Each structure stands twice: as C-alpha cells, then as structure tokens.
Amino acid sequence: MRSTTFVLHTFIALLLGATGAAAFTTGAETAKLVANETAKLVASDAEENDNFGISVAISGDLVVVGAWGNGDAYSNSGSVYVYNTTDGGASWNQTAKLVASDAEENDRFGVSVAISGDLVVVGANGNGHAGDFSGSAYVFLTTDGGASWNETAKLVASDAAKSDFFGDSVAVSGDLVVV
C-alpha cells in the first residue's frame, strides 16, 4: 500500500473583486490541491478606493499589505498595514499602520511592499521629489517584533527624473534592498 504525504503551506492571496486580502492554507496530497481560507485581513480604517491589498508580502509571522489609495494624509498618499499571527496563521491582528514621514498627494505609498525579518520596504512610485512620478522607496525597521516601526531611510534614484516610477517594485533579503 502506498503512503501519502500531507504538506501544509500558508500564503496570502487577494480576493478578486473584494476589498481586502485573505490568508489561505493549502494541502497537497498526491495530485490533489485543496485551498481553505483561514483568515480575511481588513484595514481597521478601510475606505472605498484605498486599494487595500494592491501589494502583499509575508515573512515569518508578519504580513504587510499596501493601500496606495489611502488618503489619511492626502489624496492617494497611501499607507501600509502590518499584521501578525501568534497561532500559525489561524488569525491575524493589525499591529501597525505605516505612512511616509513626508507624505504628499498622489505619492502612492504602498504600491509595492517587501518584508524580510525586521525590515519592511515600501514603494511610492508617485512621489514627486524629482518631478511627477519620479518615485521613491522607504525602509522601516522594527525592534519589538512588529508592534512598532521606525522609518529609517528614504531611497531615491541617483538619476531621478519625472515619470521614472522608481519604487514600482521593491524587494528585500536580510539587509539587502532592491528597488
């Protein structure tokens, strides 16, 4: 008799046509794939057109979710929500909301996000420091497991120009950041 192996993975997926992001677990048994929603992530201050879930990233017990349309500071200035789990992904709690220290209208902060350990990188491709949509990226650091975050750097291209959209995608591994 052939034995089967059950593998459990946790990942974040977007619910198409809905505001929010959802956490799913998948199990693979032989050639069978089953996905079950385990949690739905919702911003504590969700509003229409925030674009919550436009970008998501996960590292360990932390998830970051971008919402570039959030207008708490200015219209489309954007924000990023941080969630943690203490029960293996069965439930997620919002622990922080990140915003750029120099937020301006149409920055689109949160259009891209990345996380590795205690570092979060956030793209803001609409930031206009060198002309409309020249773009930037922000680096945040936590020293308390994700309960609070400090903005430690704003990254801009050395040759920044209008419509570069720098920050359209970001990545981080350890302390190496790529924009």
N, C-alpha and C. Protein backbone atom coordinates (compact mmCIF):
# COMPACT_ATOMS: atom_id res chain seq x y z
N MET A 1 0.84 -1.16 0.00
CA MET A 1 0.00 0.00 0.00
C MET A 1 0.90 1.24 0.00
N ARG A 2 0.55 2.23 -0.84
CA ARG A 2 1.33 3.44 -0.97
C ARG A 2 0.90 4.47 0.06
N SER A 3 1.87 5.08 0.75
CA SER A 3 1.51 6.10 1.73
C SER A 3 1.48 7.47 1.06
N THR A 4 0.70 8.36 1.62
CA THR A 4 0.62 9.72 1.10
C THR A 4 1.20 10.67 2.11
N THR A 5 1.72 11.78 1.61
CA THR A 5 2.29 12.81 2.48
C THR A 5 1.41 14.04 2.41
N PHE A 6 1.11 14.62 3.52
CA PHE A 6 0.31 15.82 3.59
C PHE A 6 1.24 16.98 3.93
N VAL A 7 1.29 17.98 3.07
CA VAL A 7 2.14 19.15 3.26
C VAL A 7 1.25 20.36 3.45
N LEU A 8 1.53 21.16 4.44
CA LEU A 8 0.73 22.34 4.73
C LEU A 8 1.57 23.59 4.52
N HIS A 9 1.09 24.51 3.71
CA HIS A 9 1.75 25.78 3.44
C HIS A 9 0.77 26.90 3.76
N THR A 10 1.27 28.03 4.20
CA THR A 10 0.44 29.20 4.41
C THR A 10 0.87 30.28 3.43
N PHE A 11 -0.09 30.93 2.81
CA PHE A 11 0.22 32.02 1.90
C PHE A 11 -0.91 33.03 1.92
N ILE A 12 -0.63 34.21 1.36
CA ILE A 12 -1.62 35.28 1.27
C ILE A 12 -2.06 35.38 -0.19
N ALA A 13 -3.34 35.53 -0.40
CA ALA A 13 -3.87 35.71 -1.75
C ALA A 13 -4.90 36.81 -1.73
N LEU A 14 -5.09 37.46 -2.85
CA LEU A 14 -6.09 38.51 -2.94
C LEU A 14 -7.44 37.93 -3.30
N LEU A 15 -8.46 38.47 -2.73
CA LEU A 15 -9.82 38.11 -3.12
C LEU A 15 -10.21 39.02 -4.27
N LEU A 16 -10.29 38.49 -5.46
CA LEU A 16 -10.60 39.32 -6.62
C LEU A 16 -11.99 39.90 -6.48
N GLY A 17 -12.10 41.17 -6.78
CA GLY A 17 -13.38 41.83 -6.73
C GLY A 17 -13.81 42.25 -5.35
N ALA A 18 -12.95 42.09 -4.35
CA ALA A 18 -13.30 42.47 -2.99
C ALA A 18 -12.18 43.29 -2.40
N THR A 19 -12.53 44.17 -1.49
CA THR A 19 -11.51 44.94 -0.80
C THR A 19 -10.99 44.09 0.33
N GLY A 20 -9.70 43.87 0.35
CA GLY A 20 -9.10 43.10 1.41
C GLY A 20 -8.18 42.03 0.88
N ALA A 21 -7.52 41.37 1.77
CA ALA A 21 -6.66 40.25 1.44
C ALA A 21 -7.07 39.10 2.32
N ALA A 22 -6.81 37.90 1.88
CA ALA A 22 -7.22 36.73 2.64
C ALA A 22 -6.04 35.80 2.84
N ALA A 23 -5.99 35.16 3.98
CA ALA A 23 -4.96 34.17 4.24
C ALA A 23 -5.54 32.79 3.97
N PHE A 24 -4.79 31.96 3.26
CA PHE A 24 -5.24 30.62 2.91
C PHE A 24 -4.21 29.61 3.35
N THR A 25 -4.64 28.41 3.60
CA THR A 25 -3.71 27.29 3.74
C THR A 25 -4.01 26.33 2.62
N THR A 26 -2.97 25.67 2.15
CA THR A 26 -3.17 24.67 1.10
C THR A 26 -2.59 23.36 1.56
N GLY A 27 -3.19 22.31 1.16
CA GLY A 27 -2.67 20.98 1.46
C GLY A 27 -2.53 20.21 0.17
N ALA A 28 -1.39 19.59 -0.02
CA ALA A 28 -1.18 18.80 -1.24
C ALA A 28 -1.07 17.34 -0.83
N GLU A 29 -1.95 16.54 -1.37
CA GLU A 29 -1.92 15.11 -1.10
C GLU A 29 -1.95 14.41 -2.44
N THR A 30 -0.87 13.73 -2.76
CA THR A 30 -0.68 13.12 -4.07
C THR A 30 -0.86 14.20 -5.13
N ALA A 31 -1.87 14.12 -6.00
CA ALA A 31 -2.04 15.11 -7.05
C ALA A 31 -3.22 16.03 -6.74
N LYS A 32 -3.64 16.07 -5.52
CA LYS A 32 -4.81 16.82 -5.11
C LYS A 32 -4.37 18.13 -4.44
N LEU A 33 -4.99 19.26 -4.80
CA LEU A 33 -4.69 20.55 -4.17
C LEU A 33 -5.98 21.12 -3.62
N VAL A 34 -5.96 21.44 -2.35
CA VAL A 34 -7.13 21.99 -1.67
C VAL A 34 -6.72 23.31 -1.02
N ALA A 35 -7.52 24.35 -1.20
CA ALA A 35 -7.24 25.64 -0.57
C ALA A 35 -8.40 26.00 0.35
N ASN A 36 -8.09 26.39 1.55
CA ASN A 36 -9.09 26.79 2.52
C ASN A 36 -8.75 28.16 3.07
N GLU A 37 -9.70 29.08 3.04
CA GLU A 37 -9.48 30.41 3.61
C GLU A 37 -9.40 30.26 5.12
N THR A 38 -8.34 30.82 5.71
CA THR A 38 -8.18 30.74 7.15
C THR A 38 -8.40 32.08 7.83
N ALA A 39 -8.26 33.17 7.08
CA ALA A 39 -8.45 34.50 7.67
C ALA A 39 -8.66 35.52 6.57
N LYS A 40 -9.38 36.57 6.87
CA LYS A 40 -9.54 37.70 5.95
C LYS A 40 -8.95 38.92 6.63
N LEU A 41 -7.99 39.54 5.96
CA LEU A 41 -7.36 40.74 6.51
C LEU A 41 -8.12 41.96 6.02
N VAL A 42 -8.46 42.84 6.95
CA VAL A 42 -9.20 44.06 6.65
C VAL A 42 -8.53 45.20 7.39
N ALA A 43 -8.38 46.34 6.71
CA ALA A 43 -7.80 47.52 7.34
C ALA A 43 -8.75 48.04 8.42
N SER A 44 -8.20 48.47 9.52
CA SER A 44 -9.01 48.97 10.64
C SER A 44 -9.77 50.24 10.25
N ASP A 45 -9.26 50.97 9.27
CA ASP A 45 -9.89 52.22 8.85
C ASP A 45 -10.24 52.19 7.35
N ALA A 46 -10.63 51.03 6.86
CA ALA A 46 -10.89 50.83 5.43
C ALA A 46 -11.89 51.82 4.88
N GLU A 47 -11.57 52.33 3.69
CA GLU A 47 -12.47 53.21 2.97
C GLU A 47 -12.46 52.82 1.49
N GLU A 48 -13.50 53.20 0.80
CA GLU A 48 -13.59 52.91 -0.62
C GLU A 48 -12.41 53.53 -1.35
N ASN A 49 -11.88 52.83 -2.34
CA ASN A 49 -10.78 53.26 -3.20
C ASN A 49 -9.43 53.36 -2.51
N ASP A 50 -9.26 52.74 -1.34
CA ASP A 50 -7.95 52.69 -0.69
C ASP A 50 -6.98 51.78 -1.44
N ASN A 51 -7.50 50.87 -2.23
CA ASN A 51 -6.70 49.87 -2.93
C ASN A 51 -5.94 48.98 -1.95
N PHE A 52 -6.57 48.68 -0.84
CA PHE A 52 -6.01 47.78 0.16
C PHE A 52 -5.81 46.41 -0.48
N GLY A 53 -4.59 45.89 -0.38
CA GLY A 53 -4.28 44.59 -0.96
C GLY A 53 -3.62 44.68 -2.31
N ILE A 54 -3.33 45.89 -2.78
CA ILE A 54 -2.66 46.05 -4.08
C ILE A 54 -1.29 45.39 -4.06
N SER A 55 -0.69 45.30 -2.89
CA SER A 55 0.59 44.61 -2.72
C SER A 55 0.58 43.91 -1.36
N VAL A 56 1.17 42.74 -1.30
CA VAL A 56 1.26 41.98 -0.05
C VAL A 56 2.61 41.28 0.03
N ALA A 57 3.08 41.08 1.25
CA ALA A 57 4.32 40.33 1.46
C ALA A 57 4.25 39.68 2.84
N ILE A 58 5.00 38.60 3.00
CA ILE A 58 4.99 37.87 4.26
C ILE A 58 6.40 37.44 4.62
N SER A 59 6.70 37.50 5.90
CA SER A 59 7.97 36.99 6.43
C SER A 59 7.70 36.48 7.84
N GLY A 60 7.86 35.18 8.03
CA GLY A 60 7.60 34.60 9.35
C GLY A 60 6.17 34.82 9.77
N ASP A 61 5.99 35.46 10.91
CA ASP A 61 4.65 35.72 11.46
C ASP A 61 4.12 37.10 11.13
N LEU A 62 4.77 37.80 10.19
CA LEU A 62 4.34 39.16 9.83
C LEU A 62 3.89 39.22 8.37
N VAL A 63 2.83 39.98 8.14
CA VAL A 63 2.31 40.26 6.82
C VAL A 63 2.20 41.76 6.67
N VAL A 64 2.60 42.29 5.50
CA VAL A 64 2.39 43.70 5.20
C VAL A 64 1.48 43.80 3.98
N VAL A 65 0.57 44.77 4.02
CA VAL A 65 -0.42 44.95 2.96
C VAL A 65 -0.43 46.42 2.56
N GLY A 66 -0.19 46.67 1.26
CA GLY A 66 -0.19 48.03 0.75
C GLY A 66 -1.58 48.52 0.41
N ALA A 67 -1.77 49.84 0.57
CA ALA A 67 -3.03 50.51 0.24
C ALA A 67 -2.69 51.89 -0.32
N TRP A 68 -2.21 51.93 -1.57
CA TRP A 68 -1.69 53.19 -2.11
C TRP A 68 -2.76 54.27 -2.26
N GLY A 69 -4.02 53.91 -2.27
CA GLY A 69 -5.09 54.90 -2.43
C GLY A 69 -5.55 55.51 -1.12
N ASN A 70 -5.02 55.01 0.01
CA ASN A 70 -5.43 55.54 1.31
C ASN A 70 -5.12 57.04 1.35
N GLY A 71 -6.07 57.81 1.84
CA GLY A 71 -5.91 59.26 1.84
C GLY A 71 -5.90 59.89 3.21
N ASP A 72 -5.37 59.22 4.21
CA ASP A 72 -5.35 59.80 5.55
C ASP A 72 -4.53 61.08 5.60
N ALA A 73 -3.39 61.11 4.92
CA ALA A 73 -2.56 62.31 4.91
C ALA A 73 -3.03 63.26 3.81
N TYR A 74 -3.08 62.74 2.58
CA TYR A 74 -3.53 63.48 1.41
C TYR A 74 -4.16 62.47 0.46
N SER A 75 -4.87 62.94 -0.53
CA SER A 75 -5.49 62.05 -1.51
C SER A 75 -4.43 61.17 -2.17
N ASN A 76 -4.63 59.86 -2.11
CA ASN A 76 -3.72 58.87 -2.69
C ASN A 76 -2.29 58.94 -2.15
N SER A 77 -2.13 59.43 -0.94
CA SER A 77 -0.78 59.44 -0.34
C SER A 77 -0.35 58.02 0.02
N GLY A 78 -1.30 57.19 0.42
CA GLY A 78 -1.05 55.78 0.66
C GLY A 78 -0.64 55.42 2.07
N SER A 79 -0.72 54.12 2.35
CA SER A 79 -0.30 53.58 3.64
C SER A 79 -0.06 52.08 3.50
N VAL A 80 0.55 51.50 4.54
CA VAL A 80 0.81 50.06 4.59
C VAL A 80 0.39 49.57 5.96
N TYR A 81 -0.29 48.43 5.99
CA TYR A 81 -0.76 47.84 7.23
C TYR A 81 0.08 46.62 7.57
N VAL A 82 0.42 46.48 8.84
CA VAL A 82 1.22 45.36 9.32
C VAL A 82 0.34 44.48 10.21
N TYR A 83 0.38 43.18 9.94
CA TYR A 83 -0.39 42.20 10.70
C TYR A 83 0.57 41.14 11.25
N ASN A 84 0.22 40.59 12.41
CA ASN A 84 1.00 39.46 12.92
C ASN A 84 0.06 38.34 13.35
N THR A 85 0.64 37.15 13.44
CA THR A 85 -0.11 35.99 13.92
C THR A 85 0.69 35.35 15.04
N THR A 86 -0.01 34.83 16.00
CA THR A 86 0.65 34.10 17.09
C THR A 86 0.14 32.67 17.17
N ASP A 87 -0.72 32.31 16.19
CA ASP A 87 -1.31 30.97 16.21
C ASP A 87 -1.15 30.25 14.87
N GLY A 88 -0.01 30.47 14.23
CA GLY A 88 0.27 29.76 12.99
C GLY A 88 -0.55 30.19 11.79
N GLY A 89 -1.16 31.35 11.85
CA GLY A 89 -1.92 31.86 10.71
C GLY A 89 -3.42 31.68 10.81
N ALA A 90 -3.90 31.11 11.89
CA ALA A 90 -5.35 30.94 12.05
C ALA A 90 -6.04 32.29 12.21
N SER A 91 -5.34 33.25 12.81
CA SER A 91 -5.88 34.60 12.94
C SER A 91 -4.74 35.61 12.80
N TRP A 92 -5.08 36.80 12.33
CA TRP A 92 -4.10 37.86 12.11
C TRP A 92 -4.60 39.14 12.78
N ASN A 93 -3.70 39.87 13.44
CA ASN A 93 -4.07 41.11 14.12
C ASN A 93 -3.27 42.27 13.53
N GLN A 94 -3.97 43.37 13.23
CA GLN A 94 -3.27 44.56 12.75
C GLN A 94 -2.48 45.15 13.91
N THR A 95 -1.18 45.32 13.72
CA THR A 95 -0.33 45.85 14.78
C THR A 95 0.20 47.24 14.48
N ALA A 96 0.18 47.64 13.21
CA ALA A 96 0.72 48.96 12.86
C ALA A 96 0.17 49.42 11.52
N LYS A 97 0.22 50.72 11.33
CA LYS A 97 -0.09 51.34 10.04
C LYS A 97 1.09 52.24 9.71
N LEU A 98 1.75 51.99 8.59
CA LEU A 98 2.92 52.76 8.19
C LEU A 98 2.52 53.82 7.17
N VAL A 99 3.05 55.03 7.36
CA VAL A 99 2.88 56.12 6.41
C VAL A 99 4.22 56.81 6.24
N ALA A 100 4.41 57.44 5.10
CA ALA A 100 5.66 58.17 4.86
C ALA A 100 5.72 59.42 5.72
N SER A 101 6.89 59.72 6.23
CA SER A 101 7.04 60.90 7.07
C SER A 101 6.84 62.19 6.28
N ASP A 102 7.04 62.13 4.97
CA ASP A 102 6.89 63.31 4.12
C ASP A 102 5.76 63.12 3.10
N ALA A 103 4.69 62.45 3.52
CA ALA A 103 3.58 62.11 2.62
C ALA A 103 3.03 63.34 1.91
N GLU A 104 2.73 63.12 0.62
CA GLU A 104 2.11 64.15 -0.19
C GLU A 104 1.06 63.52 -1.09
N GLU A 105 0.22 64.36 -1.67
CA GLU A 105 -0.82 63.88 -2.56
C GLU A 105 -0.23 63.07 -3.71
N ASN A 106 -0.88 61.95 -4.02
CA ASN A 106 -0.53 61.06 -5.14
C ASN A 106 0.84 60.39 -5.02
N ASP A 107 1.38 60.26 -3.83
CA ASP A 107 2.65 59.53 -3.65
C ASP A 107 2.49 58.05 -3.96
N ARG A 108 1.33 57.50 -3.72
CA ARG A 108 1.04 56.07 -3.94
C ARG A 108 1.94 55.17 -3.09
N PHE A 109 2.22 55.62 -1.87
CA PHE A 109 2.97 54.84 -0.89
C PHE A 109 2.22 53.53 -0.66
N GLY A 110 2.90 52.40 -0.83
CA GLY A 110 2.26 51.10 -0.66
C GLY A 110 1.96 50.40 -1.97
N VAL A 111 2.32 51.02 -3.10
CA VAL A 111 2.09 50.38 -4.39
C VAL A 111 2.86 49.07 -4.47
N SER A 112 3.98 48.97 -3.75
CA SER A 112 4.74 47.73 -3.63
C SER A 112 5.25 47.61 -2.20
N VAL A 113 5.36 46.39 -1.71
CA VAL A 113 5.87 46.14 -0.36
C VAL A 113 6.75 44.90 -0.36
N ALA A 114 7.69 44.88 0.56
CA ALA A 114 8.53 43.70 0.77
C ALA A 114 8.88 43.66 2.26
N ILE A 115 9.09 42.46 2.77
CA ILE A 115 9.47 42.30 4.18
C ILE A 115 10.46 41.16 4.30
N SER A 116 11.44 41.36 5.15
CA SER A 116 12.41 40.32 5.48
C SER A 116 12.80 40.52 6.93
N GLY A 117 12.35 39.61 7.79
CA GLY A 117 12.67 39.74 9.21
C GLY A 117 12.13 41.02 9.80
N ASP A 118 13.04 41.90 10.24
CA ASP A 118 12.64 43.14 10.90
C ASP A 118 12.66 44.36 9.98
N LEU A 119 12.80 44.15 8.66
CA LEU A 119 12.81 45.26 7.69
C LEU A 119 11.61 45.20 6.76
N VAL A 120 10.98 46.34 6.56
CA VAL A 120 9.92 46.49 5.57
C VAL A 120 10.36 47.56 4.58
N VAL A 121 10.17 47.29 3.29
CA VAL A 121 10.44 48.28 2.26
C VAL A 121 9.13 48.57 1.55
N VAL A 122 8.87 49.86 1.33
CA VAL A 122 7.61 50.30 0.74
C VAL A 122 7.90 51.18 -0.47
N GLY A 123 7.33 50.84 -1.61
CA GLY A 123 7.47 51.67 -2.80
C GLY A 123 6.42 52.75 -2.84
N ALA A 124 6.83 53.92 -3.33
CA ALA A 124 5.93 55.07 -3.51
C ALA A 124 6.22 55.65 -4.89
N ASN A 125 5.74 54.98 -5.93
CA ASN A 125 6.13 55.35 -7.29
C ASN A 125 5.59 56.69 -7.75
N GLY A 126 4.67 57.28 -7.02
CA GLY A 126 4.13 58.58 -7.38
C GLY A 126 4.83 59.75 -6.70
N ASN A 127 5.73 59.45 -5.78
CA ASN A 127 6.44 60.51 -5.07
C ASN A 127 7.11 61.44 -6.08
N GLY A 128 6.98 62.74 -5.87
CA GLY A 128 7.45 63.71 -6.86
C GLY A 128 8.65 64.53 -6.45
N HIS A 129 9.58 63.95 -5.72
CA HIS A 129 10.74 64.70 -5.26
C HIS A 129 11.61 65.23 -6.41
N ALA A 130 11.57 64.56 -7.59
CA ALA A 130 12.36 65.00 -8.75
C ALA A 130 11.47 65.14 -9.98
N GLY A 131 10.23 65.49 -9.75
CA GLY A 131 9.25 65.61 -10.83
C GLY A 131 8.14 64.60 -10.61
N ASP A 132 6.99 64.86 -11.21
CA ASP A 132 5.84 63.97 -11.02
C ASP A 132 6.21 62.52 -11.31
N PHE A 133 5.85 61.65 -10.40
CA PHE A 133 6.06 60.21 -10.51
C PHE A 133 7.53 59.80 -10.69
N SER A 134 8.43 60.59 -10.13
CA SER A 134 9.84 60.16 -10.12
C SER A 134 10.00 58.97 -9.19
N GLY A 135 9.26 58.96 -8.08
CA GLY A 135 9.19 57.81 -7.19
C GLY A 135 10.27 57.73 -6.13
N SER A 136 10.00 56.88 -5.15
CA SER A 136 10.93 56.65 -4.04
C SER A 136 10.55 55.34 -3.35
N ALA A 137 11.36 54.94 -2.39
CA ALA A 137 11.06 53.78 -1.55
C ALA A 137 11.47 54.12 -0.13
N TYR A 138 10.77 53.57 0.83
CA TYR A 138 11.01 53.84 2.25
C TYR A 138 11.36 52.55 2.96
N VAL A 139 12.27 52.65 3.90
CA VAL A 139 12.69 51.49 4.70
C VAL A 139 12.24 51.71 6.13
N PHE A 140 11.60 50.70 6.71
CA PHE A 140 11.14 50.73 8.09
C PHE A 140 11.79 49.59 8.85
N LEU A 141 12.06 49.81 10.12
CA LEU A 141 12.70 48.81 10.98
C LEU A 141 11.88 48.65 12.25
N THR A 142 11.75 47.41 12.70
CA THR A 142 11.12 47.14 13.99
C THR A 142 12.16 46.50 14.92
N THR A 143 12.06 46.81 16.18
CA THR A 143 12.94 46.19 17.18
C THR A 143 12.12 45.47 18.25
N ASP A 144 10.79 45.40 18.03
CA ASP A 144 9.92 44.78 19.03
C ASP A 144 8.95 43.77 18.40
N GLY A 145 9.43 43.05 17.40
CA GLY A 145 8.62 42.01 16.80
C GLY A 145 7.49 42.49 15.91
N GLY A 146 7.50 43.75 15.54
CA GLY A 146 6.48 44.27 14.63
C GLY A 146 5.41 45.11 15.29
N ALA A 147 5.50 45.32 16.60
CA ALA A 147 4.49 46.14 17.28
C ALA A 147 4.63 47.61 16.89
N SER A 148 5.86 48.07 16.67
CA SER A 148 6.09 49.44 16.23
C SER A 148 7.20 49.45 15.18
N TRP A 149 7.17 50.45 14.30
CA TRP A 149 8.10 50.55 13.19
C TRP A 149 8.63 51.96 13.09
N ASN A 150 9.91 52.10 12.78
CA ASN A 150 10.53 53.41 12.58
C ASN A 150 11.02 53.54 11.15
N GLU A 151 10.69 54.65 10.51
CA GLU A 151 11.20 54.92 9.17
C GLU A 151 12.69 55.24 9.30
N THR A 152 13.53 54.45 8.64
CA THR A 152 14.98 54.65 8.78
C THR A 152 15.63 55.23 7.54
N ALA A 153 14.97 55.16 6.39
CA ALA A 153 15.57 55.71 5.17
C ALA A 153 14.51 55.97 4.11
N LYS A 154 14.78 56.96 3.29
CA LYS A 154 14.02 57.20 2.07
C LYS A 154 15.02 57.02 0.93
N LEU A 155 14.71 56.10 0.02
CA LEU A 155 15.60 55.80 -1.09
C LEU A 155 15.09 56.45 -2.36
N VAL A 156 15.99 57.11 -3.09
CA VAL A 156 15.65 57.73 -4.36
C VAL A 156 16.74 57.38 -5.36
N ALA A 157 16.39 57.36 -6.64
CA ALA A 157 17.38 57.07 -7.68
C ALA A 157 18.36 58.23 -7.80
N SER A 158 19.63 57.91 -8.01
CA SER A 158 20.66 58.96 -8.15
C SER A 158 20.42 59.80 -9.40
N ASP A 159 19.73 59.25 -10.37
CA ASP A 159 19.44 59.98 -11.61
C ASP A 159 17.93 60.20 -11.77
N ALA A 160 17.23 60.41 -10.66
CA ALA A 160 15.78 60.53 -10.67
C ALA A 160 15.29 61.59 -11.64
N ALA A 161 14.20 61.24 -12.32
CA ALA A 161 13.58 62.17 -13.26
C ALA A 161 12.08 61.92 -13.30
N LYS A 162 11.35 62.88 -13.84
CA LYS A 162 9.91 62.78 -13.98
C LYS A 162 9.53 61.47 -14.68
N SER A 163 8.48 60.82 -14.17
CA SER A 163 7.90 59.60 -14.74
C SER A 163 8.82 58.39 -14.72
N ASP A 164 9.78 58.33 -13.80
CA ASP A 164 10.61 57.13 -13.62
C ASP A 164 9.85 56.00 -12.93
N PHE A 165 8.90 56.34 -12.08
CA PHE A 165 8.12 55.38 -11.30
C PHE A 165 9.02 54.49 -10.43
N PHE A 166 10.13 55.06 -9.94
CA PHE A 166 11.02 54.37 -9.01
C PHE A 166 10.18 53.93 -7.81
N GLY A 167 10.34 52.70 -7.37
CA GLY A 167 9.53 52.17 -6.28
C GLY A 167 8.35 51.34 -6.76
N ASP A 168 8.21 51.21 -8.09
CA ASP A 168 7.13 50.41 -8.64
C ASP A 168 7.22 48.97 -8.16
N SER A 169 8.43 48.49 -7.94
CA SER A 169 8.62 47.17 -7.32
C SER A 169 9.80 47.27 -6.36
N VAL A 170 9.70 46.54 -5.27
CA VAL A 170 10.74 46.52 -4.24
C VAL A 170 10.96 45.09 -3.78
N ALA A 171 12.17 44.83 -3.27
CA ALA A 171 12.48 43.52 -2.71
C ALA A 171 13.49 43.71 -1.59
N VAL A 172 13.49 42.78 -0.64
CA VAL A 172 14.45 42.83 0.45
C VAL A 172 14.78 41.39 0.86
N SER A 173 16.05 41.16 1.14
CA SER A 173 16.52 39.88 1.67
C SER A 173 17.59 40.21 2.69
N GLY A 174 17.32 39.88 3.94
CA GLY A 174 18.25 40.29 5.00
C GLY A 174 18.30 41.79 5.07
N ASP A 175 19.51 42.37 4.87
CA ASP A 175 19.62 43.83 4.88
C ASP A 175 19.89 44.37 3.48
N LEU A 176 19.70 43.57 2.44
CA LEU A 176 19.87 44.00 1.05
C LEU A 176 18.51 44.41 0.50
N VAL A 177 18.42 45.67 0.04
CA VAL A 177 17.18 46.20 -0.51
C VAL A 177 17.40 46.46 -2.00
N VAL A 178 16.43 46.04 -2.82
CA VAL A 178 16.47 46.28 -4.25
C VAL A 178 15.22 47.04 -4.66
N VAL A 179 15.41 48.11 -5.44
CA VAL A 179 14.27 48.91 -5.92
C VAL A 179 14.40 49.02 -7.43
